[in-house]
Amino acid sequence: MFDVDPALVEMLYRGVTEPGAFSDALRAMIQAFDCSSAALVSFDPLAPDTNLALSEGVVQENIKLYVEQFASIDPAPATFSRLPVGTASATN
């Protein structure tokens, strides 16, 4: 388990009111967790027009390729949509 830096949590909260703060938080997560990318995805299967996806790192650099070739077969969105409301999860 990782010790979460309070500054990282603050960046996430700032993302609600400050433009660019979510991107800053995603970049900080990439560093904190030593990974190649990070994404914040929120979706409502009953209202897909309200979906939100922000990414940084490898995912952002290849988002067009993902959308064109993989998004339609990606099992993660369907899996995440079955999680109880108010929960969060991660993929590897």
PDB file of N, CA and C in Angstrom:
ATOM      1  N   MET A   1       0.851  -1.186   0.000  1.00  0.00           N
ATOM      2  CA  MET A   1       0.000   0.000   0.000  1.00  0.00           C
ATOM      3  C   MET A   1       0.884   1.233   0.000  1.00  0.00           C
ATOM      4  N   PHE A   2       0.469   2.257  -0.711  1.00  0.00           N
ATOM      5  CA  PHE A   2       1.206   3.504  -0.815  1.00  0.00           C
ATOM      6  C   PHE A   2       0.729   4.496   0.234  1.00  0.00           C
ATOM      7  N   ASP A   3       1.665   5.287   0.741  1.00  0.00           N
ATOM      8  CA  ASP A   3       1.275   6.437   1.551  1.00  0.00           C
ATOM      9  C   ASP A   3       0.957   7.556   0.570  1.00  0.00           C
ATOM     10  N   VAL A   4      -0.234   8.082   0.649  1.00  0.00           N
ATOM     11  CA  VAL A   4      -0.657   9.108  -0.296  1.00  0.00           C
ATOM     12  C   VAL A   4      -0.238  10.483   0.211  1.00  0.00           C
ATOM     13  N   ASP A   5       0.399  11.215  -0.652  1.00  0.00           N
ATOM     14  CA  ASP A   5       0.835  12.570  -0.346  1.00  0.00           C
ATOM     15  C   ASP A   5      -0.391  13.473  -0.237  1.00  0.00           C
ATOM     16  N   PRO A   6      -0.562  14.162   0.888  1.00  0.00           N
ATOM     17  CA  PRO A   6      -1.712  15.066   1.028  1.00  0.00           C
ATOM     18  C   PRO A   6      -1.790  16.111  -0.086  1.00  0.00           C
ATOM     19  N   ALA A   7      -0.647  16.510  -0.624  1.00  0.00           N
ATOM     20  CA  ALA A   7      -0.652  17.493  -1.717  1.00  0.00           C
ATOM     21  C   ALA A   7      -1.330  16.917  -2.960  1.00  0.00           C
ATOM     22  N   LEU A   8      -1.168  15.624  -3.186  1.00  0.00           N
ATOM     23  CA  LEU A   8      -1.819  14.974  -4.324  1.00  0.00           C
ATOM     24  C   LEU A   8      -3.338  14.981  -4.141  1.00  0.00           C
ATOM     25  N   VAL A   9      -3.789  14.685  -2.951  1.00  0.00           N
ATOM     26  CA  VAL A   9      -5.226  14.721  -2.667  1.00  0.00           C
ATOM     27  C   VAL A   9      -5.759  16.137  -2.861  1.00  0.00           C
ATOM     28  N   GLU A  10      -5.005  17.119  -2.416  1.00  0.00           N
ATOM     29  CA  GLU A  10      -5.419  18.514  -2.592  1.00  0.00           C
ATOM     30  C   GLU A  10      -5.525  18.867  -4.069  1.00  0.00           C
ATOM     31  N   MET A  11      -4.587  18.382  -4.897  1.00  0.00           N
ATOM     32  CA  MET A  11      -4.644  18.643  -6.334  1.00  0.00           C
ATOM     33  C   MET A  11      -5.931  18.081  -6.936  1.00  0.00           C
ATOM     34  N   LEU A  12      -6.322  16.896  -6.495  1.00  0.00           N
ATOM     35  CA  LEU A  12      -7.558  16.308  -7.003  1.00  0.00           C
ATOM     36  C   LEU A  12      -8.773  17.158  -6.630  1.00  0.00           C
ATOM     37  N   TYR A  13      -8.813  17.609  -5.396  1.00  0.00           N
ATOM     38  CA  TYR A  13      -9.919  18.474  -4.973  1.00  0.00           C
ATOM     39  C   TYR A  13      -9.923  19.788  -5.752  1.00  0.00           C
ATOM     40  N   ARG A  14      -8.734  20.348  -6.014  1.00  0.00           N
ATOM     41  CA  ARG A  14      -8.658  21.606  -6.768  1.00  0.00           C
ATOM     42  C   ARG A  14      -9.159  21.428  -8.192  1.00  0.00           C
ATOM     43  N   GLY A  15      -9.069  20.199  -8.705  1.00  0.00           N
ATOM     44  CA  GLY A  15      -9.524  19.930 -10.064  1.00  0.00           C
ATOM     45  C   GLY A  15     -10.983  20.260 -10.289  1.00  0.00           C
ATOM     46  N   VAL A  16     -11.742  20.304  -9.238  1.00  0.00           N
ATOM     47  CA  VAL A  16     -13.171  20.623  -9.360  1.00  0.00           C
ATOM     48  C   VAL A  16     -13.377  22.092  -9.699  1.00  0.00           C
ATOM     49  N   THR A  17     -12.483  22.945  -9.231  1.00  0.00           N
ATOM     50  CA  THR A  17     -12.700  24.387  -9.402  1.00  0.00           C
ATOM     51  C   THR A  17     -11.633  25.103 -10.220  1.00  0.00           C
ATOM     52  N   GLU A  18     -10.484  24.467 -10.433  1.00  0.00           N
ATOM     53  CA  GLU A  18      -9.390  25.144 -11.138  1.00  0.00           C
ATOM     54  C   GLU A  18      -9.053  24.441 -12.449  1.00  0.00           C
ATOM     55  N   PRO A  19      -9.124  25.154 -13.569  1.00  0.00           N
ATOM     56  CA  PRO A  19      -8.741  24.552 -14.848  1.00  0.00           C
ATOM     57  C   PRO A  19      -7.294  24.040 -14.788  1.00  0.00           C
ATOM     58  N   GLY A  20      -7.089  22.860 -15.288  1.00  0.00           N
ATOM     59  CA  GLY A  20      -5.745  22.297 -15.344  1.00  0.00           C
ATOM     60  C   GLY A  20      -5.324  21.531 -14.108  1.00  0.00           C
ATOM     61  N   ALA A  21      -6.045  21.661 -13.005  1.00  0.00           N
ATOM     62  CA  ALA A  21      -5.621  21.002 -11.769  1.00  0.00           C
ATOM     63  C   ALA A  21      -5.722  19.477 -11.860  1.00  0.00           C
ATOM     64  N   PHE A  22      -6.726  18.950 -12.577  1.00  0.00           N
ATOM     65  CA  PHE A  22      -6.805  17.493 -12.732  1.00  0.00           C
ATOM     66  C   PHE A  22      -5.601  16.972 -13.504  1.00  0.00           C
ATOM     67  N   SER A  23      -5.193  17.691 -14.541  1.00  0.00           N
ATOM     68  CA  SER A  23      -4.007  17.273 -15.298  1.00  0.00           C
ATOM     69  C   SER A  23      -2.765  17.288 -14.421  1.00  0.00           C
ATOM     70  N   ASP A  24      -2.637  18.316 -13.586  1.00  0.00           N
ATOM     71  CA  ASP A  24      -1.514  18.364 -12.643  1.00  0.00           C
ATOM     72  C   ASP A  24      -1.544  17.156 -11.717  1.00  0.00           C
ATOM     73  N   ALA A  25      -2.728  16.817 -11.227  1.00  0.00           N
ATOM     74  CA  ALA A  25      -2.871  15.679 -10.321  1.00  0.00           C
ATOM     75  C   ALA A  25      -2.529  14.371 -11.027  1.00  0.00           C
ATOM     76  N   LEU A  26      -2.954  14.218 -12.271  1.00  0.00           N
ATOM     77  CA  LEU A  26      -2.639  12.998 -13.012  1.00  0.00           C
ATOM     78  C   LEU A  26      -1.139  12.863 -13.226  1.00  0.00           C
ATOM     79  N   ARG A  27      -0.474  13.956 -13.569  1.00  0.00           N
ATOM     80  CA  ARG A  27       0.982  13.907 -13.737  1.00  0.00           C
ATOM     81  C   ARG A  27       1.668  13.574 -12.408  1.00  0.00           C
ATOM     82  N   ALA A  28       1.154  14.110 -11.311  1.00  0.00           N
ATOM     83  CA  ALA A  28       1.718  13.804  -9.993  1.00  0.00           C
ATOM     84  C   ALA A  28       1.515  12.327  -9.645  1.00  0.00           C
ATOM     85  N   MET A  29       0.372  11.767 -10.046  1.00  0.00           N
ATOM     86  CA  MET A  29       0.136  10.337  -9.796  1.00  0.00           C
ATOM     87  C   MET A  29       1.116   9.470 -10.574  1.00  0.00           C
ATOM     88  N   ILE A  30       1.395   9.866 -11.813  1.00  0.00           N
ATOM     89  CA  ILE A  30       2.355   9.114 -12.623  1.00  0.00           C
ATOM     90  C   ILE A  30       3.687   9.035 -11.888  1.00  0.00           C
ATOM     91  N   GLN A  31       4.118  10.143 -11.326  1.00  0.00           N
ATOM     92  CA  GLN A  31       5.377  10.158 -10.576  1.00  0.00           C
ATOM     93  C   GLN A  31       5.266   9.391  -9.267  1.00  0.00           C
ATOM     94  N   ALA A  32       4.207   9.627  -8.514  1.00  0.00           N
ATOM     95  CA  ALA A  32       4.065   9.024  -7.189  1.00  0.00           C
ATOM     96  C   ALA A  32       3.968   7.503  -7.252  1.00  0.00           C
ATOM     97  N   PHE A  33       3.297   6.994  -8.266  1.00  0.00           N
ATOM     98  CA  PHE A  33       3.079   5.554  -8.358  1.00  0.00           C
ATOM     99  C   PHE A  33       3.977   4.891  -9.404  1.00  0.00           C
ATOM    100  N   ASP A  34       4.925   5.662  -9.958  1.00  0.00           N
ATOM    101  CA  ASP A  34       5.904   5.143 -10.912  1.00  0.00           C
ATOM    102  C   ASP A  34       5.236   4.343 -12.035  1.00  0.00           C
ATOM    103  N   CYS A  35       4.300   4.997 -12.729  1.00  0.00           N
ATOM    104  CA  CYS A  35       3.608   4.337 -13.829  1.00  0.00           C
ATOM    105  C   CYS A  35       3.735   5.183 -15.093  1.00  0.00           C
ATOM    106  N   SER A  36       3.301   4.631 -16.211  1.00  0.00           N
ATOM    107  CA  SER A  36       3.487   5.327 -17.486  1.00  0.00           C
ATOM    108  C   SER A  36       2.330   6.253 -17.850  1.00  0.00           C
ATOM    109  N   SER A  37       1.189   6.097 -17.197  1.00  0.00           N
ATOM    110  CA  SER A  37       0.064   6.968 -17.500  1.00  0.00           C
ATOM    111  C   SER A  37      -0.928   6.955 -16.345  1.00  0.00           C
ATOM    112  N   ALA A  38      -1.815   7.921 -16.381  1.00  0.00           N
ATOM    113  CA  ALA A  38      -2.899   8.003 -15.397  1.00  0.00           C
ATOM    114  C   ALA A  38      -4.109   8.592 -16.084  1.00  0.00           C
ATOM    115  N   ALA A  39      -5.280   8.168 -15.648  1.00  0.00           N
ATOM    116  CA  ALA A  39      -6.517   8.674 -16.231  1.00  0.00           C
ATOM    117  C   ALA A  39      -7.567   8.829 -15.145  1.00  0.00           C
ATOM    118  N   LEU A  40      -8.398   9.803 -15.336  1.00  0.00           N
ATOM    119  CA  LEU A  40      -9.562  10.014 -14.491  1.00  0.00           C
ATOM    120  C   LEU A  40     -10.763   9.845 -15.406  1.00  0.00           C
ATOM    121  N   VAL A  41     -11.567   8.831 -15.112  1.00  0.00           N
ATOM    122  CA  VAL A  41     -12.708   8.527 -15.963  1.00  0.00           C
ATOM    123  C   VAL A  41     -13.958   8.480 -15.096  1.00  0.00           C
ATOM    124  N   SER A  42     -14.972   9.165 -15.525  1.00  0.00           N
ATOM    125  CA  SER A  42     -16.263   9.140 -14.851  1.00  0.00           C
ATOM    126  C   SER A  42     -17.314   8.896 -15.911  1.00  0.00           C
ATOM    127  N   PHE A  43     -18.141   7.881 -15.696  1.00  0.00           N
ATOM    128  CA  PHE A  43     -19.177   7.641 -16.691  1.00  0.00           C
ATOM    129  C   PHE A  43     -20.453   7.149 -16.031  1.00  0.00           C
ATOM    130  N   ASP A  44     -21.539   7.447 -16.704  1.00  0.00           N
ATOM    131  CA  ASP A  44     -22.870   7.054 -16.265  1.00  0.00           C
ATOM    132  C   ASP A  44     -23.500   6.291 -17.423  1.00  0.00           C
ATOM    133  N   PRO A  45     -23.670   4.973 -17.292  1.00  0.00           N
ATOM    134  CA  PRO A  45     -24.226   4.206 -18.409  1.00  0.00           C
ATOM    135  C   PRO A  45     -25.638   4.639 -18.790  1.00  0.00           C
ATOM    136  N   LEU A  46     -26.329   5.316 -17.888  1.00  0.00           N
ATOM    137  CA  LEU A  46     -27.678   5.804 -18.203  1.00  0.00           C
ATOM    138  C   LEU A  46     -27.661   7.164 -18.890  1.00  0.00           C
ATOM    139  N   ALA A  47     -26.524   7.858 -18.804  1.00  0.00           N
ATOM    140  CA  ALA A  47     -26.401   9.180 -19.436  1.00  0.00           C
ATOM    141  C   ALA A  47     -25.012   9.312 -20.042  1.00  0.00           C
ATOM    142  N   PRO A  48     -24.725   8.555 -21.107  1.00  0.00           N
ATOM    143  CA  PRO A  48     -23.363   8.543 -21.656  1.00  0.00           C
ATOM    144  C   PRO A  48     -22.846   9.891 -22.136  1.00  0.00           C
ATOM    145  N   ASP A  49     -23.726  10.836 -22.425  1.00  0.00           N
ATOM    146  CA  ASP A  49     -23.272  12.161 -22.853  1.00  0.00           C
ATOM    147  C   ASP A  49     -22.579  12.917 -21.726  1.00  0.00           C
ATOM    148  N   THR A  50     -22.724  12.454 -20.498  1.00  0.00           N
ATOM    149  CA  THR A  50     -22.099  13.120 -19.357  1.00  0.00           C
ATOM    150  C   THR A  50     -20.739  12.528 -19.011  1.00  0.00           C
ATOM    151  N   ASN A  51     -20.276  11.551 -19.781  1.00  0.00           N
ATOM    152  CA  ASN A  51     -18.996  10.899 -19.489  1.00  0.00           C
ATOM    153  C   ASN A  51     -17.850  11.902 -19.532  1.00  0.00           C
ATOM    154  N   LEU A  52     -16.861  11.635 -18.708  1.00  0.00           N
ATOM    155  CA  LEU A  52     -15.690  12.494 -18.607  1.00  0.00           C
ATOM    156  C   LEU A  52     -14.452  11.618 -18.611  1.00  0.00           C
ATOM    157  N   ALA A  53     -13.454  11.962 -19.378  1.00  0.00           N
ATOM    158  CA  ALA A  53     -12.194  11.228 -19.386  1.00  0.00           C
ATOM    159  C   ALA A  53     -11.048  12.210 -19.576  1.00  0.00           C
ATOM    160  N   LEU A  54     -10.128  12.180 -18.653  1.00  0.00           N
ATOM    161  CA  LEU A  54      -8.915  12.983 -18.735  1.00  0.00           C
ATOM    162  C   LEU A  54      -7.741  12.035 -18.583  1.00  0.00           C
ATOM    163  N   SER A  55      -6.671  12.270 -19.313  1.00  0.00           N
ATOM    164  CA  SER A  55      -5.518  11.379 -19.197  1.00  0.00           C
ATOM    165  C   SER A  55      -4.221  12.146 -19.414  1.00  0.00           C
ATOM    166  N   GLU A  56      -3.169  11.552 -18.909  1.00  0.00           N
ATOM    167  CA  GLU A  56      -1.810  12.072 -19.081  1.00  0.00           C
ATOM    168  C   GLU A  56      -0.884  10.882 -19.310  1.00  0.00           C
ATOM    169  N   GLY A  57       0.253  11.143 -19.896  1.00  0.00           N
ATOM    170  CA  GLY A  57       1.231  10.084 -20.122  1.00  0.00           C
ATOM    171  C   GLY A  57       0.959   9.304 -21.388  1.00  0.00           C
ATOM    172  N   VAL A  58       1.296   8.018 -21.367  1.00  0.00           N
ATOM    173  CA  VAL A  58       1.193   7.162 -22.550  1.00  0.00           C
ATOM    174  C   VAL A  58      -0.235   7.120 -23.085  1.00  0.00           C
ATOM    175  N   VAL A  59      -1.215   7.062 -22.210  1.00  0.00           N
ATOM    176  CA  VAL A  59      -2.605   7.021 -22.667  1.00  0.00           C
ATOM    177  C   VAL A  59      -2.921   8.278 -23.473  1.00  0.00           C
ATOM    178  N   GLN A  60      -2.570   9.439 -22.957  1.00  0.00           N
ATOM    179  CA  GLN A  60      -2.852  10.692 -23.661  1.00  0.00           C
ATOM    180  C   GLN A  60      -2.126  10.753 -25.002  1.00  0.00           C
ATOM    181  N   GLU A  61      -0.899  10.270 -25.015  1.00  0.00           N
ATOM    182  CA  GLU A  61      -0.104  10.312 -26.239  1.00  0.00           C
ATOM    183  C   GLU A  61      -0.675   9.406 -27.331  1.00  0.00           C
ATOM    184  N   ASN A  62      -1.470   8.407 -26.936  1.00  0.00           N
ATOM    185  CA  ASN A  62      -2.000   7.434 -27.891  1.00  0.00           C
ATOM    186  C   ASN A  62      -3.524   7.371 -27.900  1.00  0.00           C
ATOM    187  N   ILE A  63      -4.174   8.428 -27.450  1.00  0.00           N
ATOM    188  CA  ILE A  63      -5.620   8.403 -27.303  1.00  0.00           C
ATOM    189  C   ILE A  63      -6.346   8.191 -28.633  1.00  0.00           C
ATOM    190  N   LYS A  64      -5.866   8.771 -29.693  1.00  0.00           N
ATOM    191  CA  LYS A  64      -6.521   8.594 -30.999  1.00  0.00           C
ATOM    192  C   LYS A  64      -6.486   7.122 -31.410  1.00  0.00           C
ATOM    193  N   LEU A  65      -5.346   6.488 -31.241  1.00  0.00           N
ATOM    194  CA  LEU A  65      -5.208   5.070 -31.559  1.00  0.00           C
ATOM    195  C   LEU A  65      -6.140   4.227 -30.681  1.00  0.00           C
ATOM    196  N   TYR A  66      -6.212   4.559 -29.400  1.00  0.00           N
ATOM    197  CA  TYR A  66      -7.104   3.847 -28.486  1.00  0.00           C
ATOM    198  C   TYR A  66      -8.556   3.958 -28.951  1.00  0.00           C
ATOM    199  N   VAL A  67      -8.995   5.170 -29.235  1.00  0.00           N
ATOM    200  CA  VAL A  67     -10.389   5.391 -29.641  1.00  0.00           C
ATOM    201  C   VAL A  67     -10.697   4.645 -30.931  1.00  0.00           C
ATOM    202  N   GLU A  68      -9.790   4.698 -31.896  1.00  0.00           N
ATOM    203  CA  GLU A  68     -10.031   4.087 -33.197  1.00  0.00           C
ATOM    204  C   GLU A  68      -9.981   2.564 -33.166  1.00  0.00           C
ATOM    205  N   GLN A  69      -9.079   1.977 -32.349  1.00  0.00           N
ATOM    206  CA  GLN A  69      -8.841   0.546 -32.457  1.00  0.00           C
ATOM    207  C   GLN A  69      -9.185  -0.284 -31.220  1.00  0.00           C
ATOM    208  N   PHE A  70      -9.326   0.340 -30.070  1.00  0.00           N
ATOM    209  CA  PHE A  70      -9.480  -0.465 -28.868  1.00  0.00           C
ATOM    210  C   PHE A  70     -10.702  -0.122 -28.025  1.00  0.00           C
ATOM    211  N   ALA A  71     -11.147   1.096 -28.059  1.00  0.00           N
ATOM    212  CA  ALA A  71     -12.235   1.523 -27.163  1.00  0.00           C
ATOM    213  C   ALA A  71     -13.475   0.638 -27.278  1.00  0.00           C
ATOM    214  N   SER A  72     -13.811   0.237 -28.481  1.00  0.00           N
ATOM    215  CA  SER A  72     -15.030  -0.553 -28.662  1.00  0.00           C
ATOM    216  C   SER A  72     -14.934  -1.950 -28.059  1.00  0.00           C
ATOM    217  N   ILE A  73     -13.721  -2.454 -27.815  1.00  0.00           N
ATOM    218  CA  ILE A  73     -13.564  -3.789 -27.222  1.00  0.00           C
ATOM    219  C   ILE A  73     -12.946  -3.753 -25.828  1.00  0.00           C
ATOM    220  N   ASP A  74     -12.727  -2.571 -25.286  1.00  0.00           N
ATOM    221  CA  ASP A  74     -12.140  -2.429 -23.954  1.00  0.00           C
ATOM    222  C   ASP A  74     -13.140  -2.917 -22.904  1.00  0.00           C
ATOM    223  N   PRO A  75     -12.773  -3.926 -22.105  1.00  0.00           N
ATOM    224  CA  PRO A  75     -13.711  -4.443 -21.105  1.00  0.00           C
ATOM    225  C   PRO A  75     -13.835  -3.559 -19.859  1.00  0.00           C
ATOM    226  N   ALA A  76     -12.916  -2.620 -19.665  1.00  0.00           N
ATOM    227  CA  ALA A  76     -12.916  -1.827 -18.430  1.00  0.00           C
ATOM    228  C   ALA A  76     -14.191  -1.005 -18.222  1.00  0.00           C
ATOM    229  N   PRO A  77     -14.687  -0.246 -19.204  1.00  0.00           N
ATOM    230  CA  PRO A  77     -15.893   0.551 -18.942  1.00  0.00           C
ATOM    231  C   PRO A  77     -17.092  -0.284 -18.477  1.00  0.00           C
ATOM    232  N   ALA A  78     -17.322  -1.410 -19.122  1.00  0.00           N
ATOM    233  CA  ALA A  78     -18.451  -2.252 -18.712  1.00  0.00           C
ATOM    234  C   ALA A  78     -18.234  -2.810 -17.308  1.00  0.00           C
ATOM    235  N   THR A  79     -17.006  -3.196 -17.016  1.00  0.00           N
ATOM    236  CA  THR A  79     -16.688  -3.711 -15.686  1.00  0.00           C
ATOM    237  C   THR A  79     -16.882  -2.623 -14.644  1.00  0.00           C
ATOM    238  N   PHE A  80     -16.373  -1.430 -14.910  1.00  0.00           N
ATOM    239  CA  PHE A  80     -16.512  -0.331 -13.961  1.00  0.00           C
ATOM    240  C   PHE A  80     -17.979   0.063 -13.777  1.00  0.00           C
ATOM    241  N   SER A  81     -18.785  -0.054 -14.823  1.00  0.00           N
ATOM    242  CA  SER A  81     -20.191   0.351 -14.705  1.00  0.00           C
ATOM    243  C   SER A  81     -20.965  -0.560 -13.752  1.00  0.00           C
ATOM    244  N   ARG A  82     -20.418  -1.731 -13.462  1.00  0.00           N
ATOM    245  CA  ARG A  82     -21.085  -2.632 -12.518  1.00  0.00           C
ATOM    246  C   ARG A  82     -20.654  -2.416 -11.069  1.00  0.00           C
ATOM    247  N   LEU A  83     -19.714  -1.518 -10.851  1.00  0.00           N
ATOM    248  CA  LEU A  83     -19.290  -1.224  -9.473  1.00  0.00           C
ATOM    249  C   LEU A  83     -20.393  -0.455  -8.764  1.00  0.00           C
ATOM    250  N   PRO A  84     -20.476  -0.622  -7.449  1.00  0.00           N
ATOM    251  CA  PRO A  84     -21.458   0.165  -6.704  1.00  0.00           C
ATOM    252  C   PRO A  84     -21.189   1.666  -6.829  1.00  0.00           C
ATOM    253  N   VAL A  85     -22.248   2.452  -6.830  1.00  0.00           N
ATOM    254  CA  VAL A  85     -22.120   3.905  -6.911  1.00  0.00           C
ATOM    255  C   VAL A  85     -21.251   4.395  -5.768  1.00  0.00           C
ATOM    256  N   GLY A  86     -20.369   5.346  -6.081  1.00  0.00           N
ATOM    257  CA  GLY A  86     -19.510   5.941  -5.069  1.00  0.00           C
ATOM    258  C   GLY A  86     -18.208   5.201  -4.844  1.00  0.00           C
ATOM    259  N   THR A  87     -17.893   4.214  -5.679  1.00  0.00           N
ATOM    260  CA  THR A  87     -16.636   3.499  -5.522  1.00  0.00           C
ATOM    261  C   THR A  87     -15.666   3.899  -6.622  1.00  0.00           C
ATOM    262  N   ALA A  88     -14.424   3.539  -6.426  1.00  0.00           N
ATOM    263  CA  ALA A  88     -13.377   3.808  -7.409  1.00  0.00           C
ATOM    264  C   ALA A  88     -12.556   2.542  -7.573  1.00  0.00           C
ATOM    265  N   SER A  89     -11.902   2.415  -8.696  1.00  0.00           N
ATOM    266  CA  SER A  89     -11.081   1.236  -8.947  1.00  0.00           C
ATOM    267  C   SER A  89      -9.945   1.614  -9.879  1.00  0.00           C
ATOM    268  N   ALA A  90      -9.065   0.657 -10.131  1.00  0.00           N
ATOM    269  CA  ALA A  90      -7.917   0.884 -11.001  1.00  0.00           C
ATOM    270  C   ALA A  90      -7.711  -0.324 -11.886  1.00  0.00           C
ATOM    271  N   THR A  91      -7.044  -0.128 -13.003  1.00  0.00           N
ATOM    272  CA  THR A  91      -6.637  -1.235 -13.856  1.00  0.00           C
ATOM    273  C   THR A  91      -5.117  -1.225 -13.926  1.00  0.00           C
ATOM    274  N   ASN A  92      -4.561  -2.308 -14.420  1.00  0.00           N
ATOM    275  CA  ASN A  92      -3.103  -2.338 -14.600  1.00  0.00           C
ATOM    276  C   ASN A  92      -2.755  -2.745 -15.999  1.00  0.00           C
TER     277      ASN A  92
END
